Amino acid sequence: MGYFAWPYAFTVVPIEQVEQQKISEAFDAVNYVDGIWDSKVLPTIDAKAVNLADVLTALHPDAQGIAAKDDLIDVANKYGLITVGEAHVYIVKGEAKVISVDTSTSLGVMEIQPVGYDGTIKVLVYLGPRIPSDETSVRDGVGFINFGDFKEQTEFGKVGSEINKRVINQAYTDVDKEQLVGKTIDFVGAMTIRTFNLVNIDLSKVTIVPVKIEVKG
């Protein structure tokens, strides 16, 4: 009995997967964000921003930087919002002194000391040029960009990525990142505290995605 060996490798892909990929590729995240950026995103951030020092003081972790999840729910409801994934998201603003700058990686950060807060929570602000791919604080924090508005998860993710690119580029347009140490800044941004499947939450540090940074001197 003879055997015939097909010379080419191939993969069978379900038609539903092909159609979903076409839809995802057709979605233009840049165009979507362009349509809401000036008209909705920035005005919403300005309207919703709360004083970071007030939020940090209300979080009140113990000496080890830990807080019970149940104790944080009222804080999130007062100052921010809670997503369907149980993330606590805050739009924050304030004045701060820059303590240090770390640009040794593409996920650069600066440490700041917010005016009006003298607690133990360490506060970092992304410097970029990149923001972690799972960081969605601005997208989620505005409260009107919802997963259900998109055909599938990839589109939702692309919107988050495009927003991150935009904020990290615009926030530091006129800022020399290497000269920030010791300077006083005004800032507006967003931060997330993840609580899904957790009982005790590590609040030793929080990291802010900047939307606006102004160096005061």
N, C-alpha and C. Protein backbone atom coordinates (compact mmCIF):
# COMPACT_ATOMS: atom_id res chain seq x y z
N MET A 1 0.85 -1.18 0.00
CA MET A 1 0.00 0.00 0.00
C MET A 1 0.89 1.24 0.00
N GLY A 2 0.62 2.20 -0.85
CA GLY A 2 1.43 3.40 -0.91
C GLY A 2 0.81 4.54 -0.12
N TYR A 3 1.64 5.48 0.29
CA TYR A 3 1.17 6.63 1.06
C TYR A 3 1.58 7.91 0.34
N PHE A 4 0.72 8.87 0.41
CA PHE A 4 1.02 10.16 -0.21
C PHE A 4 1.23 11.19 0.89
N ALA A 5 2.34 11.84 0.90
CA ALA A 5 2.65 12.87 1.91
C ALA A 5 2.43 14.25 1.32
N TRP A 6 1.48 14.97 1.88
CA TRP A 6 1.24 16.34 1.41
C TRP A 6 2.43 17.22 1.77
N PRO A 7 3.01 17.91 0.79
CA PRO A 7 4.28 18.62 1.02
C PRO A 7 4.14 19.91 1.82
N TYR A 8 2.92 20.38 2.06
CA TYR A 8 2.77 21.66 2.72
C TYR A 8 2.00 21.51 4.04
N ALA A 9 2.50 22.18 5.08
CA ALA A 9 1.78 22.17 6.35
C ALA A 9 0.68 23.22 6.30
N PHE A 10 -0.44 22.93 6.93
CA PHE A 10 -1.53 23.89 6.94
C PHE A 10 -2.31 23.75 8.24
N THR A 11 -3.03 24.81 8.57
CA THR A 11 -3.83 24.83 9.79
C THR A 11 -5.28 25.15 9.44
N VAL A 12 -6.19 24.41 10.00
CA VAL A 12 -7.61 24.66 9.80
C VAL A 12 -8.08 25.67 10.84
N VAL A 13 -8.61 26.79 10.39
CA VAL A 13 -9.06 27.85 11.28
C VAL A 13 -10.57 28.00 11.15
N PRO A 14 -11.31 27.95 12.25
CA PRO A 14 -12.77 28.11 12.18
C PRO A 14 -13.15 29.44 11.54
N ILE A 15 -14.22 29.41 10.74
CA ILE A 15 -14.63 30.62 10.03
C ILE A 15 -14.98 31.74 10.99
N GLU A 16 -15.51 31.39 12.19
CA GLU A 16 -15.84 32.42 13.17
C GLU A 16 -14.61 33.18 13.62
N GLN A 17 -13.48 32.45 13.76
CA GLN A 17 -12.23 33.09 14.18
C GLN A 17 -11.72 34.03 13.10
N VAL A 18 -11.86 33.61 11.85
CA VAL A 18 -11.42 34.45 10.73
C VAL A 18 -12.23 35.74 10.68
N GLU A 19 -13.54 35.62 10.84
CA GLU A 19 -14.41 36.80 10.80
C GLU A 19 -14.10 37.75 11.95
N GLN A 20 -13.85 37.18 13.14
CA GLN A 20 -13.53 38.01 14.31
C GLN A 20 -12.23 38.76 14.09
N GLN A 21 -11.25 38.09 13.46
CA GLN A 21 -9.98 38.74 13.19
C GLN A 21 -10.16 39.89 12.21
N LYS A 22 -11.02 39.69 11.20
CA LYS A 22 -11.28 40.75 10.23
C LYS A 22 -11.89 41.97 10.91
N ILE A 23 -12.84 41.72 11.83
CA ILE A 23 -13.49 42.81 12.55
C ILE A 23 -12.47 43.58 13.39
N SER A 24 -11.60 42.83 14.07
CA SER A 24 -10.60 43.44 14.93
C SER A 24 -9.63 44.29 14.12
N GLU A 25 -9.20 43.75 12.97
CA GLU A 25 -8.25 44.47 12.13
C GLU A 25 -8.88 45.73 11.55
N ALA A 26 -10.20 45.71 11.33
CA ALA A 26 -10.88 46.86 10.75
C ALA A 26 -11.08 47.98 11.76
N PHE A 27 -11.08 47.66 13.05
CA PHE A 27 -11.31 48.66 14.08
C PHE A 27 -10.12 49.61 14.17
N ASP A 28 -10.39 50.90 14.15
CA ASP A 28 -9.35 51.92 14.20
C ASP A 28 -9.37 52.60 15.57
N ALA A 29 -8.48 52.16 16.46
CA ALA A 29 -8.45 52.71 17.81
C ALA A 29 -8.05 54.18 17.82
N VAL A 30 -7.14 54.55 16.94
CA VAL A 30 -6.70 55.95 16.87
C VAL A 30 -7.88 56.85 16.53
N ASN A 31 -8.66 56.45 15.53
CA ASN A 31 -9.82 57.23 15.12
C ASN A 31 -10.86 57.30 16.24
N TYR A 32 -11.04 56.17 16.93
CA TYR A 32 -12.01 56.14 18.04
C TYR A 32 -11.60 57.12 19.14
N VAL A 33 -10.33 57.08 19.54
CA VAL A 33 -9.87 57.96 20.61
C VAL A 33 -9.87 59.42 20.15
N ASP A 34 -9.53 59.66 18.88
CA ASP A 34 -9.62 61.02 18.35
C ASP A 34 -11.02 61.60 18.53
N GLY A 35 -12.02 60.74 18.36
CA GLY A 35 -13.40 61.20 18.42
C GLY A 35 -13.90 61.55 19.80
N ILE A 36 -13.19 61.09 20.83
CA ILE A 36 -13.66 61.35 22.20
C ILE A 36 -12.65 62.11 23.05
N TRP A 37 -11.45 62.30 22.56
CA TRP A 37 -10.37 62.82 23.40
C TRP A 37 -10.67 64.23 23.93
N ASP A 38 -10.80 65.18 23.03
CA ASP A 38 -11.01 66.57 23.44
C ASP A 38 -12.44 66.82 23.92
N SER A 39 -13.39 66.11 23.35
CA SER A 39 -14.79 66.37 23.65
C SER A 39 -15.27 65.69 24.92
N LYS A 40 -14.67 64.53 25.27
CA LYS A 40 -15.18 63.77 26.42
C LYS A 40 -14.10 63.37 27.43
N VAL A 41 -12.98 62.82 26.95
CA VAL A 41 -11.98 62.28 27.88
C VAL A 41 -11.39 63.37 28.76
N LEU A 42 -10.82 64.39 28.14
CA LEU A 42 -10.16 65.44 28.93
C LEU A 42 -11.14 66.21 29.83
N PRO A 43 -12.33 66.60 29.34
CA PRO A 43 -13.28 67.26 30.24
C PRO A 43 -13.72 66.37 31.41
N THR A 44 -13.88 65.08 31.15
CA THR A 44 -14.28 64.16 32.22
C THR A 44 -13.20 64.05 33.27
N ILE A 45 -11.95 63.97 32.84
CA ILE A 45 -10.84 63.89 33.78
C ILE A 45 -10.78 65.14 34.64
N ASP A 46 -10.93 66.30 34.03
CA ASP A 46 -10.92 67.55 34.79
C ASP A 46 -12.06 67.58 35.81
N ALA A 47 -13.21 67.08 35.42
CA ALA A 47 -14.39 67.13 36.29
C ALA A 47 -14.31 66.12 37.43
N LYS A 48 -13.70 64.97 37.17
CA LYS A 48 -13.71 63.89 38.15
C LYS A 48 -12.49 63.88 39.07
N ALA A 49 -11.46 64.64 38.74
CA ALA A 49 -10.21 64.58 39.50
C ALA A 49 -10.42 64.99 40.96
N VAL A 50 -9.91 64.17 41.86
CA VAL A 50 -9.98 64.44 43.30
C VAL A 50 -8.55 64.57 43.84
N ASN A 51 -8.43 65.20 44.97
CA ASN A 51 -7.11 65.44 45.55
C ASN A 51 -6.46 64.11 45.97
N LEU A 52 -5.29 63.84 45.42
CA LEU A 52 -4.60 62.58 45.72
C LEU A 52 -4.35 62.43 47.21
N ALA A 53 -3.96 63.50 47.88
CA ALA A 53 -3.67 63.43 49.31
C ALA A 53 -4.88 62.95 50.10
N ASP A 54 -6.07 63.37 49.69
CA ASP A 54 -7.29 62.93 50.37
C ASP A 54 -7.51 61.43 50.19
N VAL A 55 -7.28 60.94 48.97
CA VAL A 55 -7.46 59.51 48.70
C VAL A 55 -6.47 58.68 49.50
N LEU A 56 -5.20 59.07 49.46
CA LEU A 56 -4.17 58.30 50.17
C LEU A 56 -4.43 58.28 51.67
N THR A 57 -4.85 59.40 52.21
CA THR A 57 -5.14 59.46 53.65
C THR A 57 -6.30 58.53 54.00
N ALA A 58 -7.30 58.47 53.14
CA ALA A 58 -8.47 57.64 53.40
C ALA A 58 -8.16 56.15 53.27
N LEU A 59 -7.17 55.78 52.47
CA LEU A 59 -6.82 54.37 52.28
C LEU A 59 -6.28 53.76 53.58
N HIS A 60 -5.44 54.48 54.26
CA HIS A 60 -4.99 54.16 55.62
C HIS A 60 -4.53 52.70 55.79
N PRO A 61 -3.45 52.28 55.12
CA PRO A 61 -2.92 50.93 55.34
C PRO A 61 -2.26 50.80 56.71
N ASP A 62 -2.00 49.56 57.12
CA ASP A 62 -1.32 49.36 58.40
C ASP A 62 0.18 49.59 58.25
N ALA A 63 0.93 49.30 59.31
CA ALA A 63 2.37 49.58 59.32
C ALA A 63 3.13 48.79 58.25
N GLN A 64 2.55 47.68 57.81
CA GLN A 64 3.17 46.86 56.76
C GLN A 64 2.69 47.24 55.36
N GLY A 65 1.87 48.28 55.27
CA GLY A 65 1.37 48.72 53.98
C GLY A 65 0.20 47.92 53.47
N ILE A 66 -0.50 47.22 54.35
CA ILE A 66 -1.60 46.35 53.96
C ILE A 66 -2.93 46.92 54.45
N ALA A 67 -3.96 46.79 53.61
CA ALA A 67 -5.32 47.18 54.01
C ALA A 67 -6.28 46.08 53.60
N ALA A 68 -7.32 45.87 54.38
CA ALA A 68 -8.34 44.88 54.04
C ALA A 68 -9.17 45.39 52.87
N LYS A 69 -9.44 44.49 51.93
CA LYS A 69 -10.23 44.86 50.75
C LYS A 69 -11.55 45.50 51.14
N ASP A 70 -12.22 44.92 52.11
CA ASP A 70 -13.53 45.44 52.52
C ASP A 70 -13.46 46.87 53.02
N ASP A 71 -12.31 47.25 53.58
CA ASP A 71 -12.15 48.60 54.10
C ASP A 71 -11.93 49.64 53.00
N LEU A 72 -11.61 49.16 51.80
CA LEU A 72 -11.30 50.07 50.70
C LEU A 72 -12.51 50.38 49.83
N ILE A 73 -13.57 49.61 49.97
CA ILE A 73 -14.73 49.77 49.09
C ILE A 73 -15.38 51.14 49.26
N ASP A 74 -15.57 51.57 50.49
CA ASP A 74 -16.19 52.88 50.72
C ASP A 74 -15.33 54.01 50.18
N VAL A 75 -14.01 53.85 50.27
CA VAL A 75 -13.10 54.88 49.74
C VAL A 75 -13.25 54.98 48.23
N ALA A 76 -13.31 53.82 47.55
CA ALA A 76 -13.45 53.82 46.10
C ALA A 76 -14.79 54.42 45.68
N ASN A 77 -15.83 54.08 46.39
CA ASN A 77 -17.14 54.63 46.04
C ASN A 77 -17.22 56.13 46.26
N LYS A 78 -16.46 56.64 47.23
CA LYS A 78 -16.48 58.07 47.51
C LYS A 78 -15.62 58.86 46.53
N TYR A 79 -14.43 58.36 46.25
CA TYR A 79 -13.46 59.13 45.46
C TYR A 79 -13.26 58.64 44.03
N GLY A 80 -13.66 57.41 43.73
CA GLY A 80 -13.39 56.86 42.42
C GLY A 80 -14.53 55.98 41.94
N LEU A 81 -14.17 54.84 41.36
CA LEU A 81 -15.17 53.88 40.91
C LEU A 81 -14.60 52.47 41.02
N ILE A 82 -15.48 51.49 41.00
CA ILE A 82 -15.09 50.09 41.05
C ILE A 82 -15.54 49.44 39.75
N THR A 83 -14.61 48.82 39.02
CA THR A 83 -14.94 48.20 37.74
C THR A 83 -15.57 46.83 37.96
N VAL A 84 -16.07 46.23 36.87
CA VAL A 84 -16.65 44.89 36.96
C VAL A 84 -15.59 43.87 37.36
N GLY A 85 -14.33 44.19 37.12
CA GLY A 85 -13.24 43.32 37.53
C GLY A 85 -12.71 43.63 38.92
N GLU A 86 -13.46 44.42 39.69
CA GLU A 86 -13.15 44.75 41.08
C GLU A 86 -11.89 45.60 41.24
N ALA A 87 -11.51 46.30 40.19
CA ALA A 87 -10.41 47.26 40.31
C ALA A 87 -10.96 48.59 40.83
N HIS A 88 -10.23 49.19 41.75
CA HIS A 88 -10.61 50.50 42.27
C HIS A 88 -9.81 51.55 41.50
N VAL A 89 -10.51 52.41 40.77
CA VAL A 89 -9.84 53.35 39.87
C VAL A 89 -10.16 54.78 40.29
N TYR A 90 -9.11 55.59 40.34
CA TYR A 90 -9.24 56.98 40.79
C TYR A 90 -8.65 57.93 39.75
N ILE A 91 -9.35 59.02 39.48
CA ILE A 91 -8.78 60.15 38.76
C ILE A 91 -8.30 61.13 39.82
N VAL A 92 -7.02 61.46 39.81
CA VAL A 92 -6.44 62.23 40.91
C VAL A 92 -5.68 63.45 40.39
N LYS A 93 -5.50 64.39 41.31
CA LYS A 93 -4.74 65.60 41.00
C LYS A 93 -4.03 66.05 42.26
N GLY A 94 -3.11 66.98 42.09
CA GLY A 94 -2.44 67.50 43.26
C GLY A 94 -1.17 68.25 42.92
N GLU A 95 -0.50 68.66 43.97
CA GLU A 95 0.81 69.29 43.88
C GLU A 95 1.79 68.39 44.61
N ALA A 96 3.00 68.27 44.08
CA ALA A 96 3.96 67.35 44.70
C ALA A 96 5.38 67.79 44.40
N LYS A 97 6.29 67.31 45.23
CA LYS A 97 7.72 67.48 44.98
C LYS A 97 8.26 66.19 44.41
N VAL A 98 9.10 66.30 43.39
CA VAL A 98 9.70 65.12 42.77
C VAL A 98 10.90 64.68 43.60
N ILE A 99 10.84 63.45 44.09
CA ILE A 99 11.89 62.91 44.97
C ILE A 99 12.99 62.24 44.17
N SER A 100 12.62 61.47 43.16
CA SER A 100 13.61 60.75 42.36
C SER A 100 13.05 60.45 40.99
N VAL A 101 13.95 60.16 40.05
CA VAL A 101 13.59 59.82 38.68
C VAL A 101 14.37 58.59 38.27
N ASP A 102 13.67 57.62 37.69
CA ASP A 102 14.31 56.39 37.21
C ASP A 102 13.92 56.17 35.76
N THR A 103 14.86 56.43 34.86
CA THR A 103 14.62 56.21 33.43
C THR A 103 15.53 55.12 32.89
N SER A 104 15.91 54.20 33.77
CA SER A 104 16.82 53.12 33.36
C SER A 104 16.15 52.09 32.46
N THR A 105 14.82 52.06 32.45
CA THR A 105 14.08 51.18 31.55
C THR A 105 13.07 52.02 30.78
N SER A 106 12.42 51.40 29.80
CA SER A 106 11.41 52.12 29.02
C SER A 106 10.15 52.38 29.84
N LEU A 107 10.00 51.67 30.96
CA LEU A 107 8.88 51.91 31.87
C LEU A 107 9.32 52.85 32.99
N GLY A 108 9.82 54.01 32.59
CA GLY A 108 10.38 54.95 33.55
C GLY A 108 9.35 55.48 34.52
N VAL A 109 9.80 55.81 35.73
CA VAL A 109 8.92 56.36 36.76
C VAL A 109 9.65 57.45 37.54
N MET A 110 8.86 58.32 38.16
CA MET A 110 9.41 59.25 39.15
C MET A 110 8.65 59.04 40.45
N GLU A 111 9.34 59.23 41.56
CA GLU A 111 8.68 59.18 42.86
C GLU A 111 8.35 60.60 43.28
N ILE A 112 7.15 60.80 43.78
CA ILE A 112 6.74 62.13 44.21
C ILE A 112 6.25 62.11 45.66
N GLN A 113 6.33 63.27 46.30
CA GLN A 113 5.77 63.45 47.64
C GLN A 113 4.63 64.45 47.53
N PRO A 114 3.38 63.96 47.57
CA PRO A 114 2.24 64.87 47.41
C PRO A 114 2.13 65.85 48.57
N VAL A 115 1.83 67.09 48.27
CA VAL A 115 1.57 68.09 49.30
C VAL A 115 0.29 67.69 50.04
N GLY A 116 0.35 67.72 51.37
CA GLY A 116 -0.82 67.38 52.17
C GLY A 116 -0.89 65.93 52.59
N TYR A 117 0.10 65.12 52.19
CA TYR A 117 0.11 63.71 52.60
C TYR A 117 1.44 63.38 53.25
N ASP A 118 1.39 62.80 54.45
CA ASP A 118 2.62 62.42 55.15
C ASP A 118 2.57 60.96 55.59
N GLY A 119 1.78 60.15 54.90
CA GLY A 119 1.66 58.74 55.24
C GLY A 119 2.74 57.89 54.61
N THR A 120 2.53 56.59 54.65
CA THR A 120 3.57 55.63 54.25
C THR A 120 3.47 55.14 52.81
N ILE A 121 2.41 55.47 52.11
CA ILE A 121 2.24 54.98 50.74
C ILE A 121 3.21 55.70 49.80
N LYS A 122 4.02 54.93 49.11
CA LYS A 122 4.95 55.49 48.13
C LYS A 122 4.19 55.79 46.84
N VAL A 123 4.43 56.96 46.28
CA VAL A 123 3.70 57.37 45.08
C VAL A 123 4.66 57.50 43.90
N LEU A 124 4.38 56.73 42.86
CA LEU A 124 5.15 56.78 41.62
C LEU A 124 4.28 57.32 40.50
N VAL A 125 4.93 57.93 39.52
CA VAL A 125 4.23 58.42 38.32
C VAL A 125 5.00 57.91 37.11
N TYR A 126 4.30 57.33 36.16
CA TYR A 126 4.98 56.84 34.96
C TYR A 126 5.60 57.99 34.17
N LEU A 127 6.84 57.76 33.72
CA LEU A 127 7.53 58.70 32.85
C LEU A 127 7.58 58.20 31.41
N GLY A 128 7.46 56.89 31.23
CA GLY A 128 7.55 56.31 29.89
C GLY A 128 8.99 56.12 29.46
N PRO A 129 9.21 55.94 28.16
CA PRO A 129 8.25 56.19 27.07
C PRO A 129 7.13 55.17 26.93
N ARG A 130 7.18 54.08 27.69
CA ARG A 130 6.10 53.09 27.62
C ARG A 130 5.35 53.03 28.94
N ILE A 131 4.12 52.53 28.85
CA ILE A 131 3.30 52.21 30.01
C ILE A 131 2.98 50.73 29.91
N PRO A 132 2.95 49.99 31.01
CA PRO A 132 2.67 48.55 30.94
C PRO A 132 1.40 48.24 30.16
N SER A 133 1.42 47.14 29.42
CA SER A 133 0.30 46.80 28.54
C SER A 133 -0.99 46.52 29.29
N ASP A 134 -0.90 46.15 30.56
CA ASP A 134 -2.11 45.86 31.34
C ASP A 134 -2.59 47.07 32.14
N GLU A 135 -2.00 48.22 31.90
CA GLU A 135 -2.37 49.44 32.62
C GLU A 135 -3.52 50.14 31.89
N THR A 136 -4.66 50.25 32.55
CA THR A 136 -5.86 50.80 31.90
C THR A 136 -6.55 51.85 32.77
N SER A 137 -5.80 52.52 33.62
CA SER A 137 -6.40 53.43 34.59
C SER A 137 -7.18 54.57 33.95
N VAL A 138 -6.63 55.18 32.91
CA VAL A 138 -7.32 56.31 32.29
C VAL A 138 -8.57 55.83 31.57
N ARG A 139 -8.43 54.78 30.78
CA ARG A 139 -9.59 54.23 30.06
C ARG A 139 -10.73 53.89 31.01
N ASP A 140 -10.39 53.19 32.09
CA ASP A 140 -11.43 52.75 33.03
C ASP A 140 -11.91 53.88 33.93
N GLY A 141 -11.02 54.81 34.25
CA GLY A 141 -11.34 55.84 35.22
C GLY A 141 -12.36 56.86 34.74
N VAL A 142 -12.41 57.11 33.42
CA VAL A 142 -13.37 58.11 32.94
C VAL A 142 -14.80 57.61 33.09
N GLY A 143 -14.98 56.29 33.10
CA GLY A 143 -16.28 55.72 33.43
C GLY A 143 -17.27 55.56 32.29
N PHE A 144 -16.93 56.01 31.08
CA PHE A 144 -17.89 55.89 29.98
C PHE A 144 -17.38 55.02 28.83
N ILE A 145 -16.17 54.50 28.94
CA ILE A 145 -15.65 53.58 27.92
C ILE A 145 -15.84 52.17 28.47
N ASN A 146 -16.83 51.47 27.97
CA ASN A 146 -17.23 50.19 28.53
C ASN A 146 -17.00 49.04 27.57
N PHE A 147 -16.64 47.89 28.13
CA PHE A 147 -16.37 46.70 27.32
C PHE A 147 -17.55 46.37 26.41
N GLY A 148 -18.76 46.54 26.90
CA GLY A 148 -19.95 46.19 26.13
C GLY A 148 -20.17 47.04 24.90
N ASP A 149 -19.43 48.15 24.78
CA ASP A 149 -19.56 49.02 23.62
C ASP A 149 -18.76 48.53 22.42
N PHE A 150 -17.98 47.46 22.60
CA PHE A 150 -17.09 46.98 21.55
C PHE A 150 -17.48 45.57 21.13
N LYS A 151 -17.10 45.21 19.91
CA LYS A 151 -17.47 43.90 19.38
C LYS A 151 -16.75 42.77 20.09
N GLU A 152 -15.53 43.01 20.51
CA GLU A 152 -14.78 41.97 21.22
C GLU A 152 -13.63 42.61 22.00
N GLN A 153 -12.97 41.79 22.81
CA GLN A 153 -12.02 42.29 23.80
C GLN A 153 -10.81 42.98 23.17
N THR A 154 -10.41 42.53 21.98
CA THR A 154 -9.24 43.12 21.35
C THR A 154 -9.44 44.61 21.09
N GLU A 155 -10.63 44.98 20.66
CA GLU A 155 -10.92 46.40 20.41
C GLU A 155 -10.82 47.21 21.70
N PHE A 156 -11.38 46.67 22.76
CA PHE A 156 -11.34 47.33 24.07
C PHE A 156 -9.90 47.53 24.51
N GLY A 157 -9.07 46.51 24.30
CA GLY A 157 -7.66 46.60 24.65
C GLY A 157 -6.92 47.63 23.82
N LYS A 158 -7.24 47.69 22.52
CA LYS A 158 -6.58 48.65 21.64
C LYS A 158 -6.88 50.09 22.06
N VAL A 159 -8.08 50.33 22.52
CA VAL A 159 -8.44 51.67 22.98
C VAL A 159 -7.60 52.04 24.20
N GLY A 160 -7.45 51.11 25.13
CA GLY A 160 -6.61 51.36 26.30
C GLY A 160 -5.18 51.67 25.92
N SER A 161 -4.64 50.92 24.96
CA SER A 161 -3.26 51.13 24.52
C SER A 161 -3.09 52.49 23.85
N GLU A 162 -4.04 52.86 23.02
CA GLU A 162 -3.97 54.15 22.33
C GLU A 162 -4.06 55.31 23.32
N ILE A 163 -4.91 55.18 24.31
CA ILE A 163 -5.02 56.23 25.33
C ILE A 163 -3.70 56.36 26.09
N ASN A 164 -3.08 55.24 26.43
CA ASN A 164 -1.80 55.28 27.14
C ASN A 164 -0.72 55.96 26.32
N LYS A 165 -0.66 55.65 25.02
CA LYS A 165 0.33 56.30 24.16
C LYS A 165 0.11 57.81 24.14
N ARG A 166 -1.14 58.19 24.08
CA ARG A 166 -1.46 59.61 23.98
C ARG A 166 -1.10 60.37 25.25
N VAL A 167 -1.46 59.82 26.40
CA VAL A 167 -1.21 60.57 27.64
C VAL A 167 0.29 60.67 27.93
N ILE A 168 1.03 59.60 27.70
CA ILE A 168 2.45 59.64 28.04
C ILE A 168 3.21 60.59 27.11
N ASN A 169 2.72 60.75 25.87
CA ASN A 169 3.34 61.69 24.95
C ASN A 169 2.96 63.13 25.28
N GLN A 170 1.70 63.36 25.59
CA GLN A 170 1.23 64.72 25.81
C GLN A 170 1.59 65.27 27.18
N ALA A 171 1.64 64.41 28.19
CA ALA A 171 1.90 64.89 29.55
C ALA A 171 3.28 65.52 29.69
N TYR A 172 4.24 65.04 28.91
CA TYR A 172 5.63 65.49 29.08
C TYR A 172 6.14 66.27 27.87
N THR A 173 5.24 66.86 27.11
CA THR A 173 5.63 67.57 25.89
C THR A 173 6.68 68.64 26.16
N ASP A 174 6.50 69.41 27.21
CA ASP A 174 7.42 70.52 27.50
C ASP A 174 8.21 70.28 28.79
N VAL A 175 8.44 69.01 29.12
CA VAL A 175 9.09 68.67 30.38
C VAL A 175 10.41 67.94 30.12
N ASP A 176 11.48 68.40 30.76
CA ASP A 176 12.76 67.69 30.72
C ASP A 176 12.77 66.69 31.87
N LYS A 177 12.54 65.44 31.56
CA LYS A 177 12.39 64.42 32.60
C LYS A 177 13.64 64.27 33.46
N GLU A 178 14.79 64.47 32.87
CA GLU A 178 16.03 64.28 33.60
C GLU A 178 16.31 65.41 34.59
N GLN A 179 15.56 66.49 34.50
CA GLN A 179 15.77 67.64 35.38
C GLN A 179 14.64 67.83 36.39
N LEU A 180 13.88 66.78 36.64
CA LEU A 180 12.70 66.90 37.49
C LEU A 180 12.99 66.79 38.99
N VAL A 181 14.06 66.13 39.36
CA VAL A 181 14.33 65.91 40.78
C VAL A 181 14.44 67.24 41.52
N GLY A 182 13.69 67.34 42.62
CA GLY A 182 13.69 68.56 43.41
C GLY A 182 12.67 69.59 42.97
N LYS A 183 12.07 69.38 41.80
CA LYS A 183 11.09 70.34 41.29
C LYS A 183 9.71 70.09 41.91
N THR A 184 8.91 71.13 41.93
CA THR A 184 7.51 71.02 42.34
C THR A 184 6.64 70.95 41.09
N ILE A 185 5.70 70.04 41.09
CA ILE A 185 4.84 69.86 39.92
C ILE A 185 3.37 69.89 40.33
N ASP A 186 2.53 70.30 39.39
CA ASP A 186 1.09 70.05 39.46
C ASP A 186 0.82 68.87 38.53
N PHE A 187 -0.05 67.98 38.95
CA PHE A 187 -0.31 66.79 38.13
C PHE A 187 -1.78 66.43 38.14
N VAL A 188 -2.20 65.79 37.07
CA VAL A 188 -3.51 65.15 36.97
C VAL A 188 -3.27 63.80 36.34
N GLY A 189 -3.91 62.77 36.86
CA GLY A 189 -3.69 61.44 36.30
C GLY A 189 -4.69 60.44 36.84
N ALA A 190 -4.40 59.18 36.63
CA ALA A 190 -5.30 58.11 37.07
C ALA A 190 -4.48 56.97 37.66
N MET A 191 -5.07 56.28 38.63
CA MET A 191 -4.39 55.14 39.24
C MET A 191 -5.40 54.04 39.57
N THR A 192 -4.89 52.82 39.61
CA THR A 192 -5.73 51.66 39.87
C THR A 192 -5.18 50.85 41.04
N ILE A 193 -6.08 50.40 41.90
CA ILE A 193 -5.75 49.45 42.95
C ILE A 193 -6.49 48.16 42.63
N ARG A 194 -5.76 47.11 42.33
CA ARG A 194 -6.38 45.85 41.92
C ARG A 194 -6.73 45.03 43.17
N THR A 195 -7.97 44.52 43.20
CA THR A 195 -8.43 43.78 44.37
C THR A 195 -9.05 42.42 44.03
N PHE A 196 -9.10 42.07 42.75
CA PHE A 196 -9.80 40.84 42.36
C PHE A 196 -9.17 39.61 43.01
N ASN A 197 -10.01 38.79 43.63
CA ASN A 197 -9.60 37.54 44.28
C ASN A 197 -8.63 37.77 45.44
N LEU A 198 -8.60 38.96 45.99
CA LEU A 198 -7.71 39.26 47.11
C LEU A 198 -8.53 39.62 48.34
N VAL A 199 -7.96 39.35 49.50
CA VAL A 199 -8.59 39.73 50.77
C VAL A 199 -7.85 40.92 51.37
N ASN A 200 -6.51 40.84 51.34
CA ASN A 200 -5.66 41.93 51.83
C ASN A 200 -4.93 42.56 50.66
N ILE A 201 -4.89 43.87 50.64
CA ILE A 201 -4.36 44.60 49.50
C ILE A 201 -3.05 45.29 49.88
N ASP A 202 -2.03 45.11 49.04
CA ASP A 202 -0.74 45.75 49.25
C ASP A 202 -0.82 47.22 48.82
N LEU A 203 -0.73 48.11 49.77
CA LEU A 203 -0.76 49.54 49.49
C LEU A 203 0.57 50.20 49.83
N SER A 204 1.65 49.45 49.71
CA SER A 204 2.96 50.03 49.97
C SER A 204 3.31 51.08 48.92
N LYS A 205 2.72 50.96 47.73
CA LYS A 205 2.93 51.97 46.70
C LYS A 205 1.75 52.00 45.73
N VAL A 206 1.57 53.13 45.08
CA VAL A 206 0.61 53.28 43.99
C VAL A 206 1.35 53.94 42.84
N THR A 207 0.88 53.69 41.62
CA THR A 207 1.52 54.27 40.45
C THR A 207 0.47 54.98 39.60
N ILE A 208 0.76 56.22 39.28
CA ILE A 208 -0.18 57.08 38.56
C ILE A 208 0.18 57.15 37.08
N VAL A 209 -0.83 57.05 36.23
CA VAL A 209 -0.67 57.33 34.80
C VAL A 209 -0.93 58.82 34.61
N PRO A 210 0.06 59.58 34.16
CA PRO A 210 -0.13 61.03 34.08
C PRO A 210 -0.95 61.44 32.86
N VAL A 211 -1.79 62.43 33.04
CA VAL A 211 -2.50 63.04 31.92
C VAL A 211 -1.98 64.46 31.70
N LYS A 212 -1.70 65.16 32.80
CA LYS A 212 -1.15 66.51 32.72
C LYS A 212 -0.05 66.66 33.77
N ILE A 213 1.07 67.19 33.35
CA ILE A 213 2.17 67.50 34.26
C ILE A 213 2.62 68.94 33.99
N GLU A 214 2.66 69.74 35.03
CA GLU A 214 3.15 71.12 34.90
C GLU A 214 4.24 71.35 35.94
N VAL A 215 5.41 71.72 35.47
CA VAL A 215 6.53 72.01 36.38
C VAL A 215 6.40 73.45 36.86
N LYS A 216 6.38 73.61 38.19
CA LYS A 216 6.19 74.94 38.78
C LYS A 216 7.51 75.60 39.17
N GLY A 217 8.53 74.77 39.40
CA GLY A 217 9.82 75.36 39.77
C GLY A 217 10.52 74.54 40.82
